[in-house]
């Protein structure tokens, strides 16, 4: 490969990353959901693959609970099974309290005001969460299905 071809290939790759990721972000700065555990009848523990901005980690508006069996959300769900995520159907402070579970801001506890129904299937969806001091992010941070215990 000559120098001009290498330069062109490098430039094309850089432009591709610039289109896919928000300005100033890199794949390493986007925390992703690593684990989800139900701790009790009304608590979920969310663990990210890296530390997150604490204010984003505890913000209910960055989390959605989708019912996988109902068209109209009930209980802890904010989305019916055919609904799509938007800011108007995220979790709210009247449904859940979110606290950091560790000093590194990698795990958070979601404590719901109501009980998580046993045997019902849900999907937790997370969006807009960034690493500390990272630029804003408008994409998703992963999702995980779970069955109430």
N, C-alpha and C. Protein backbone atom coordinates (compact mmCIF):
# COMPACT_ATOMS: atom_id res chain seq x y z
N UNK A 1 0.84 -1.17 0.00
CA UNK A 1 0.00 0.00 0.00
C UNK A 1 0.89 1.24 0.00
N UNK A 2 0.61 2.19 -0.90
CA UNK A 2 1.43 3.41 -0.89
C UNK A 2 0.91 4.37 0.16
N UNK A 3 1.64 5.44 0.41
CA UNK A 3 1.32 6.40 1.47
C UNK A 3 -0.04 7.07 1.24
N UNK A 4 -0.35 7.39 0.00
CA UNK A 4 -1.62 8.05 -0.30
C UNK A 4 -2.80 7.12 -0.01
N UNK A 5 -2.67 5.85 -0.35
CA UNK A 5 -3.74 4.89 -0.09
C UNK A 5 -3.94 4.71 1.41
N UNK A 6 -2.83 4.61 2.18
CA UNK A 6 -2.93 4.48 3.64
C UNK A 6 -3.59 5.72 4.24
N UNK A 7 -3.21 6.89 3.75
CA UNK A 7 -3.81 8.13 4.25
C UNK A 7 -5.31 8.16 3.98
N UNK A 8 -5.70 7.79 2.76
CA UNK A 8 -7.12 7.80 2.39
C UNK A 8 -7.92 6.80 3.25
N UNK A 9 -7.34 5.62 3.49
CA UNK A 9 -8.02 4.62 4.32
C UNK A 9 -8.17 5.13 5.75
N UNK A 10 -7.14 5.74 6.28
CA UNK A 10 -7.19 6.30 7.64
C UNK A 10 -8.22 7.42 7.74
N UNK A 11 -8.26 8.28 6.74
CA UNK A 11 -9.22 9.38 6.72
C UNK A 11 -10.65 8.85 6.65
N UNK A 12 -10.88 7.84 5.84
CA UNK A 12 -12.22 7.25 5.73
C UNK A 12 -12.66 6.63 7.06
N UNK A 13 -11.75 5.96 7.73
CA UNK A 13 -12.07 5.37 9.03
C UNK A 13 -12.38 6.45 10.06
N UNK A 14 -11.61 7.50 10.10
CA UNK A 14 -11.85 8.61 11.03
C UNK A 14 -13.20 9.26 10.77
N UNK A 15 -13.56 9.43 9.51
CA UNK A 15 -14.85 10.03 9.18
C UNK A 15 -16.00 9.12 9.59
N UNK A 16 -15.83 7.81 9.45
CA UNK A 16 -16.85 6.86 9.85
C UNK A 16 -17.11 6.98 11.35
N UNK A 17 -16.06 7.00 12.17
CA UNK A 17 -16.24 7.15 13.62
C UNK A 17 -16.86 8.49 13.97
N UNK A 18 -16.53 9.53 13.25
CA UNK A 18 -17.11 10.85 13.51
C UNK A 18 -18.61 10.85 13.25
N UNK A 19 -19.07 10.06 12.30
CA UNK A 19 -20.50 9.99 11.99
C UNK A 19 -21.26 9.14 13.00
N UNK A 20 -20.64 8.08 13.50
CA UNK A 20 -21.32 7.14 14.38
C UNK A 20 -21.39 7.63 15.82
N UNK A 21 -20.33 8.25 16.32
CA UNK A 21 -20.28 8.67 17.72
C UNK A 21 -20.51 10.17 17.84
N UNK A 22 -21.13 10.61 18.95
CA UNK A 22 -21.32 12.04 19.17
C UNK A 22 -19.97 12.75 19.23
N UNK A 23 -19.98 14.04 18.94
CA UNK A 23 -18.75 14.82 18.95
C UNK A 23 -18.04 14.69 20.29
N UNK A 24 -16.78 14.33 20.25
CA UNK A 24 -15.98 14.24 21.46
C UNK A 24 -16.11 12.91 22.19
N UNK A 25 -16.99 12.03 21.77
CA UNK A 25 -17.17 10.74 22.44
C UNK A 25 -16.38 9.67 21.71
N UNK A 26 -16.03 8.64 22.44
CA UNK A 26 -15.41 7.47 21.84
C UNK A 26 -16.09 6.25 22.43
N UNK A 27 -15.88 5.11 21.82
CA UNK A 27 -16.52 3.89 22.31
C UNK A 27 -16.15 3.63 23.77
N UNK A 28 -14.96 4.06 24.20
CA UNK A 28 -14.53 3.85 25.57
C UNK A 28 -15.26 4.75 26.56
N UNK A 29 -15.86 5.84 26.11
CA UNK A 29 -16.52 6.76 27.04
C UNK A 29 -18.01 6.47 27.20
N UNK A 30 -18.51 5.46 26.54
CA UNK A 30 -19.93 5.15 26.63
C UNK A 30 -20.12 3.94 27.54
N UNK A 31 -20.61 4.18 28.76
CA UNK A 31 -20.85 3.06 29.67
C UNK A 31 -21.98 2.18 29.15
N UNK A 32 -21.81 0.89 29.29
CA UNK A 32 -22.83 -0.06 28.85
C UNK A 32 -23.28 -0.91 30.03
N UNK A 33 -24.54 -1.31 29.99
CA UNK A 33 -25.11 -2.18 31.02
C UNK A 33 -24.36 -3.50 31.02
N UNK A 34 -23.84 -3.87 32.18
CA UNK A 34 -23.08 -5.11 32.31
C UNK A 34 -23.89 -6.20 33.00
N UNK A 35 -24.69 -5.80 34.01
CA UNK A 35 -25.43 -6.79 34.78
C UNK A 35 -26.69 -6.17 35.37
N UNK A 36 -27.69 -7.00 35.57
CA UNK A 36 -28.94 -6.59 36.20
C UNK A 36 -29.36 -7.70 37.15
N UNK A 37 -29.63 -7.33 38.41
CA UNK A 37 -30.06 -8.29 39.42
C UNK A 37 -31.27 -7.75 40.15
N UNK A 38 -32.21 -8.62 40.46
CA UNK A 38 -33.31 -8.23 41.34
C UNK A 38 -32.87 -8.57 42.76
N UNK A 39 -32.80 -7.53 43.61
CA UNK A 39 -32.32 -7.71 44.98
C UNK A 39 -33.44 -8.05 45.96
N UNK A 40 -34.63 -7.52 45.69
CA UNK A 40 -35.77 -7.76 46.59
C UNK A 40 -37.05 -7.58 45.79
N UNK A 41 -38.17 -7.58 46.48
CA UNK A 41 -39.46 -7.45 45.81
C UNK A 41 -39.68 -6.13 45.11
N UNK A 42 -38.88 -5.12 45.44
CA UNK A 42 -39.03 -3.82 44.78
C UNK A 42 -37.70 -3.18 44.39
N UNK A 43 -36.63 -3.96 44.33
CA UNK A 43 -35.32 -3.38 44.01
C UNK A 43 -34.59 -4.14 42.89
N UNK A 44 -33.98 -3.34 42.00
CA UNK A 44 -33.09 -3.86 40.97
C UNK A 44 -31.73 -3.22 41.16
N UNK A 45 -30.69 -4.00 40.88
CA UNK A 45 -29.31 -3.47 40.90
C UNK A 45 -28.79 -3.47 39.48
N UNK A 46 -28.40 -2.28 39.01
CA UNK A 46 -27.86 -2.10 37.67
C UNK A 46 -26.35 -1.91 37.79
N UNK A 47 -25.57 -2.65 37.01
CA UNK A 47 -24.12 -2.51 37.02
C UNK A 47 -23.64 -2.20 35.61
N UNK A 48 -22.84 -1.15 35.50
CA UNK A 48 -22.25 -0.73 34.22
C UNK A 48 -20.85 -1.32 34.08
N UNK A 49 -20.33 -1.32 32.87
CA UNK A 49 -18.99 -1.85 32.61
C UNK A 49 -17.87 -0.88 32.98
N UNK A 50 -18.24 0.34 33.40
CA UNK A 50 -17.26 1.35 33.80
C UNK A 50 -17.98 2.40 34.64
N UNK A 51 -17.24 3.24 35.36
CA UNK A 51 -17.90 4.30 36.14
C UNK A 51 -18.70 5.23 35.25
N UNK A 52 -19.82 5.73 35.79
CA UNK A 52 -20.68 6.66 35.06
C UNK A 52 -20.76 7.98 35.81
N UNK A 53 -21.20 9.02 35.11
CA UNK A 53 -21.48 10.30 35.73
C UNK A 53 -22.57 10.05 36.76
N UNK A 54 -22.28 10.32 38.03
CA UNK A 54 -23.21 10.01 39.11
C UNK A 54 -24.58 10.63 38.93
N UNK A 55 -24.64 11.87 38.45
CA UNK A 55 -25.93 12.54 38.24
C UNK A 55 -26.74 11.84 37.17
N UNK A 56 -26.09 11.30 36.14
CA UNK A 56 -26.80 10.57 35.08
C UNK A 56 -27.24 9.19 35.57
N UNK A 57 -26.42 8.58 36.42
CA UNK A 57 -26.73 7.24 36.93
C UNK A 57 -27.94 7.21 37.84
N UNK A 58 -28.21 8.32 38.54
CA UNK A 58 -29.35 8.33 39.48
C UNK A 58 -30.58 9.04 38.91
N UNK A 59 -30.52 9.45 37.65
CA UNK A 59 -31.65 10.17 37.03
C UNK A 59 -32.69 9.18 36.49
N UNK A 60 -33.91 9.16 37.07
CA UNK A 60 -34.94 8.23 36.58
C UNK A 60 -35.23 8.38 35.09
N UNK A 61 -35.12 9.58 34.54
CA UNK A 61 -35.41 9.82 33.13
C UNK A 61 -34.46 9.14 32.16
N UNK A 62 -33.43 8.47 32.67
CA UNK A 62 -32.50 7.73 31.82
C UNK A 62 -32.81 6.23 31.78
N UNK A 63 -33.93 5.84 32.44
CA UNK A 63 -34.30 4.43 32.56
C UNK A 63 -35.75 4.22 32.13
N UNK A 64 -35.99 3.08 31.49
CA UNK A 64 -37.33 2.67 31.07
C UNK A 64 -37.52 1.23 31.48
N UNK A 65 -38.75 0.88 31.84
CA UNK A 65 -39.12 -0.52 32.09
C UNK A 65 -40.23 -0.86 31.10
N UNK A 66 -39.94 -1.81 30.22
CA UNK A 66 -40.93 -2.23 29.23
C UNK A 66 -41.57 -3.54 29.64
N UNK A 67 -42.89 -3.57 29.65
CA UNK A 67 -43.61 -4.81 29.88
C UNK A 67 -43.49 -5.65 28.61
N UNK A 68 -43.17 -6.92 28.77
CA UNK A 68 -43.06 -7.80 27.61
C UNK A 68 -44.32 -8.63 27.41
N UNK A 69 -45.36 -8.35 28.24
CA UNK A 69 -46.59 -9.12 28.13
C UNK A 69 -47.86 -8.27 28.04
N UNK A 70 -47.75 -6.96 28.24
CA UNK A 70 -48.93 -6.09 28.25
C UNK A 70 -48.77 -4.96 27.22
N UNK A 71 -49.85 -4.63 26.54
CA UNK A 71 -49.80 -3.51 25.60
C UNK A 71 -49.86 -2.17 26.32
N UNK A 72 -50.53 -2.13 27.47
CA UNK A 72 -50.58 -0.92 28.30
C UNK A 72 -49.73 -1.16 29.53
N UNK A 73 -48.75 -0.30 29.80
CA UNK A 73 -47.89 -0.53 30.96
C UNK A 73 -48.64 -0.38 32.29
N UNK A 74 -48.35 -1.29 33.21
CA UNK A 74 -48.91 -1.23 34.56
C UNK A 74 -47.80 -1.50 35.56
N UNK A 75 -48.05 -1.18 36.82
CA UNK A 75 -47.06 -1.45 37.87
C UNK A 75 -45.78 -0.67 37.65
N UNK A 76 -44.65 -1.37 37.59
CA UNK A 76 -43.35 -0.70 37.42
C UNK A 76 -43.07 -0.31 35.98
N UNK A 77 -43.83 -0.84 35.04
CA UNK A 77 -43.57 -0.59 33.61
C UNK A 77 -43.95 0.83 33.19
N UNK A 78 -43.14 1.40 32.30
CA UNK A 78 -43.44 2.70 31.70
C UNK A 78 -43.75 2.56 30.21
N UNK A 79 -43.46 1.38 29.67
CA UNK A 79 -43.69 1.10 28.25
C UNK A 79 -44.51 -0.17 28.11
N UNK A 80 -45.46 -0.16 27.17
CA UNK A 80 -46.14 -1.38 26.79
C UNK A 80 -45.24 -2.18 25.86
N UNK A 81 -45.63 -3.40 25.56
CA UNK A 81 -44.75 -4.27 24.77
C UNK A 81 -44.50 -3.78 23.35
N UNK A 82 -45.33 -2.92 22.81
CA UNK A 82 -45.13 -2.41 21.46
C UNK A 82 -44.68 -0.95 21.43
N UNK A 83 -44.43 -0.36 22.59
CA UNK A 83 -44.05 1.05 22.67
C UNK A 83 -42.56 1.24 22.41
N UNK A 84 -42.21 2.46 22.02
CA UNK A 84 -40.81 2.82 21.83
C UNK A 84 -40.43 3.88 22.85
N UNK A 85 -39.15 3.91 23.17
CA UNK A 85 -38.59 4.82 24.16
C UNK A 85 -38.71 6.27 23.69
N UNK A 86 -39.14 7.15 24.59
CA UNK A 86 -39.05 8.59 24.36
C UNK A 86 -39.00 9.25 25.74
N UNK A 87 -38.57 10.50 25.82
CA UNK A 87 -38.43 11.14 27.13
C UNK A 87 -39.72 11.18 27.95
N UNK A 88 -40.87 11.14 27.29
CA UNK A 88 -42.14 11.22 28.00
C UNK A 88 -42.58 9.92 28.66
N UNK A 89 -41.91 8.79 28.35
CA UNK A 89 -42.33 7.54 28.98
C UNK A 89 -41.20 6.86 29.76
N UNK A 90 -40.26 7.66 30.22
CA UNK A 90 -39.18 7.16 31.08
C UNK A 90 -39.70 7.01 32.51
N UNK A 91 -38.92 6.36 33.35
CA UNK A 91 -39.25 6.31 34.77
C UNK A 91 -39.24 7.72 35.34
N UNK A 92 -39.99 7.92 36.41
CA UNK A 92 -40.06 9.22 37.08
C UNK A 92 -39.83 9.03 38.58
N UNK A 93 -39.54 10.13 39.26
CA UNK A 93 -39.27 10.09 40.70
C UNK A 93 -40.47 9.61 41.51
N UNK A 94 -41.67 9.69 40.96
CA UNK A 94 -42.82 9.18 41.71
C UNK A 94 -42.96 7.66 41.59
N UNK A 95 -42.18 7.02 40.70
CA UNK A 95 -42.19 5.56 40.55
C UNK A 95 -40.97 4.89 41.16
N UNK A 96 -39.82 5.61 41.17
CA UNK A 96 -38.56 4.98 41.57
C UNK A 96 -37.61 5.98 42.21
N UNK A 97 -36.79 5.47 43.11
CA UNK A 97 -35.67 6.24 43.67
C UNK A 97 -34.41 5.48 43.26
N UNK A 98 -33.40 6.20 42.78
CA UNK A 98 -32.17 5.56 42.34
C UNK A 98 -31.01 6.09 43.18
N UNK A 99 -30.22 5.18 43.73
CA UNK A 99 -29.06 5.56 44.53
C UNK A 99 -27.83 4.80 44.05
N UNK A 100 -26.67 5.39 44.28
CA UNK A 100 -25.42 4.71 43.93
C UNK A 100 -25.20 3.58 44.93
N UNK A 101 -24.73 2.43 44.43
CA UNK A 101 -24.50 1.27 45.28
C UNK A 101 -23.04 1.12 45.67
N UNK A 102 -22.18 1.97 45.10
CA UNK A 102 -20.75 1.87 45.42
C UNK A 102 -20.09 3.24 45.27
N UNK A 103 -18.85 3.34 45.66
CA UNK A 103 -18.14 4.63 45.60
C UNK A 103 -17.58 4.93 44.22
N UNK A 104 -17.61 3.95 43.32
CA UNK A 104 -17.06 4.16 41.97
C UNK A 104 -18.11 4.53 40.94
N UNK A 105 -19.39 4.59 41.36
CA UNK A 105 -20.50 4.88 40.44
C UNK A 105 -20.56 3.90 39.26
N UNK A 106 -20.36 2.62 39.56
CA UNK A 106 -20.55 1.59 38.54
C UNK A 106 -21.85 0.81 38.77
N UNK A 107 -22.37 0.83 39.99
CA UNK A 107 -23.61 0.11 40.31
C UNK A 107 -24.61 1.05 40.97
N UNK A 108 -25.88 0.85 40.64
CA UNK A 108 -26.96 1.69 41.16
C UNK A 108 -28.13 0.80 41.56
N UNK A 109 -28.84 1.22 42.61
CA UNK A 109 -30.01 0.51 43.09
C UNK A 109 -31.25 1.29 42.70
N UNK A 110 -32.17 0.64 41.98
CA UNK A 110 -33.46 1.21 41.65
C UNK A 110 -34.46 0.65 42.64
N UNK A 111 -35.04 1.52 43.48
CA UNK A 111 -36.03 1.11 44.46
C UNK A 111 -37.39 1.63 44.00
N UNK A 112 -38.25 0.72 43.61
CA UNK A 112 -39.56 1.08 43.09
C UNK A 112 -40.54 1.32 44.23
N UNK A 113 -41.48 2.21 44.02
CA UNK A 113 -42.52 2.49 45.02
C UNK A 113 -43.52 1.34 45.09
N UNK A 114 -43.61 0.54 44.02
CA UNK A 114 -44.50 -0.62 44.03
C UNK A 114 -43.68 -1.89 43.86
N UNK A 115 -44.31 -3.01 44.13
CA UNK A 115 -43.66 -4.32 44.05
C UNK A 115 -43.49 -4.73 42.59
N UNK A 116 -42.39 -5.41 42.31
CA UNK A 116 -42.15 -5.98 40.98
C UNK A 116 -42.96 -7.28 40.93
N UNK A 117 -43.97 -7.36 40.08
CA UNK A 117 -44.83 -8.56 40.06
C UNK A 117 -44.06 -9.84 39.74
N UNK A 118 -44.28 -10.84 40.57
CA UNK A 118 -43.63 -12.15 40.39
C UNK A 118 -44.12 -12.79 39.09
N UNK A 119 -43.17 -13.33 38.31
CA UNK A 119 -43.50 -14.06 37.10
C UNK A 119 -43.72 -13.21 35.86
N UNK A 120 -43.77 -11.88 36.00
CA UNK A 120 -43.96 -11.01 34.83
C UNK A 120 -42.61 -10.72 34.18
N UNK A 121 -42.62 -10.66 32.83
CA UNK A 121 -41.40 -10.39 32.07
C UNK A 121 -41.31 -8.91 31.73
N UNK A 122 -40.11 -8.36 31.92
CA UNK A 122 -39.83 -6.95 31.64
C UNK A 122 -38.49 -6.81 30.93
N UNK A 123 -38.30 -5.63 30.37
CA UNK A 123 -37.01 -5.26 29.80
C UNK A 123 -36.62 -3.92 30.39
N UNK A 124 -35.44 -3.85 30.99
CA UNK A 124 -34.87 -2.58 31.45
C UNK A 124 -34.09 -1.99 30.29
N UNK A 125 -34.35 -0.73 29.97
CA UNK A 125 -33.66 -0.03 28.89
C UNK A 125 -33.01 1.21 29.49
N UNK A 126 -31.75 1.45 29.15
CA UNK A 126 -31.03 2.61 29.68
C UNK A 126 -30.50 3.43 28.51
N UNK A 127 -30.66 4.77 28.60
CA UNK A 127 -30.15 5.69 27.57
C UNK A 127 -29.54 6.93 28.21
N UNK A 128 -28.69 7.60 27.45
CA UNK A 128 -28.16 8.93 27.77
C UNK A 128 -27.16 8.98 28.91
N UNK A 129 -26.67 7.85 29.41
CA UNK A 129 -25.73 7.84 30.52
C UNK A 129 -24.30 7.93 29.97
N UNK A 130 -23.51 8.82 30.55
CA UNK A 130 -22.13 9.03 30.10
C UNK A 130 -21.15 8.70 31.22
N UNK A 131 -19.89 8.61 30.84
CA UNK A 131 -18.81 8.49 31.81
C UNK A 131 -18.60 9.87 32.45
N UNK A 132 -17.94 9.92 33.60
CA UNK A 132 -17.68 11.22 34.23
C UNK A 132 -16.92 12.15 33.27
N UNK A 133 -17.35 13.40 33.20
CA UNK A 133 -16.72 14.45 32.38
C UNK A 133 -16.77 14.18 30.88
N UNK A 134 -17.60 13.26 30.44
CA UNK A 134 -17.73 12.97 29.01
C UNK A 134 -18.78 13.90 28.40
N UNK A 135 -18.70 14.12 27.09
CA UNK A 135 -19.71 14.94 26.42
C UNK A 135 -21.08 14.26 26.45
N UNK A 136 -22.16 15.01 26.22
CA UNK A 136 -23.50 14.40 26.20
C UNK A 136 -23.58 13.25 25.21
N UNK A 137 -24.44 12.30 25.52
CA UNK A 137 -24.62 11.11 24.69
C UNK A 137 -26.11 10.92 24.45
N UNK A 138 -26.50 10.71 23.21
CA UNK A 138 -27.92 10.61 22.88
C UNK A 138 -28.34 9.20 22.47
N UNK A 139 -27.53 8.22 22.79
CA UNK A 139 -27.85 6.84 22.42
C UNK A 139 -28.20 5.98 23.61
N UNK A 140 -28.22 4.66 23.36
CA UNK A 140 -28.59 3.75 24.44
C UNK A 140 -27.36 3.17 25.11
N UNK A 141 -27.56 2.72 26.34
CA UNK A 141 -26.50 2.12 27.14
C UNK A 141 -26.75 0.64 27.38
N UNK A 142 -27.70 0.09 26.64
CA UNK A 142 -27.98 -1.33 26.73
C UNK A 142 -29.34 -1.61 27.36
N UNK A 143 -29.72 -2.86 27.28
CA UNK A 143 -30.99 -3.31 27.85
C UNK A 143 -30.82 -4.76 28.30
N UNK A 144 -31.71 -5.16 29.18
CA UNK A 144 -31.67 -6.53 29.68
C UNK A 144 -33.08 -6.94 30.08
N UNK A 145 -33.46 -8.16 29.74
CA UNK A 145 -34.77 -8.66 30.15
C UNK A 145 -34.64 -9.33 31.52
N UNK A 146 -35.75 -9.33 32.26
CA UNK A 146 -35.79 -10.00 33.55
C UNK A 146 -37.22 -10.42 33.86
N UNK A 147 -37.34 -11.38 34.73
CA UNK A 147 -38.64 -11.87 35.19
C UNK A 147 -38.73 -11.58 36.68
N UNK A 148 -39.81 -10.94 37.11
CA UNK A 148 -39.99 -10.63 38.52
C UNK A 148 -39.94 -11.87 39.38
N UNK A 149 -39.23 -11.74 40.50
CA UNK A 149 -39.07 -12.88 41.43
C UNK A 149 -39.90 -12.67 42.68
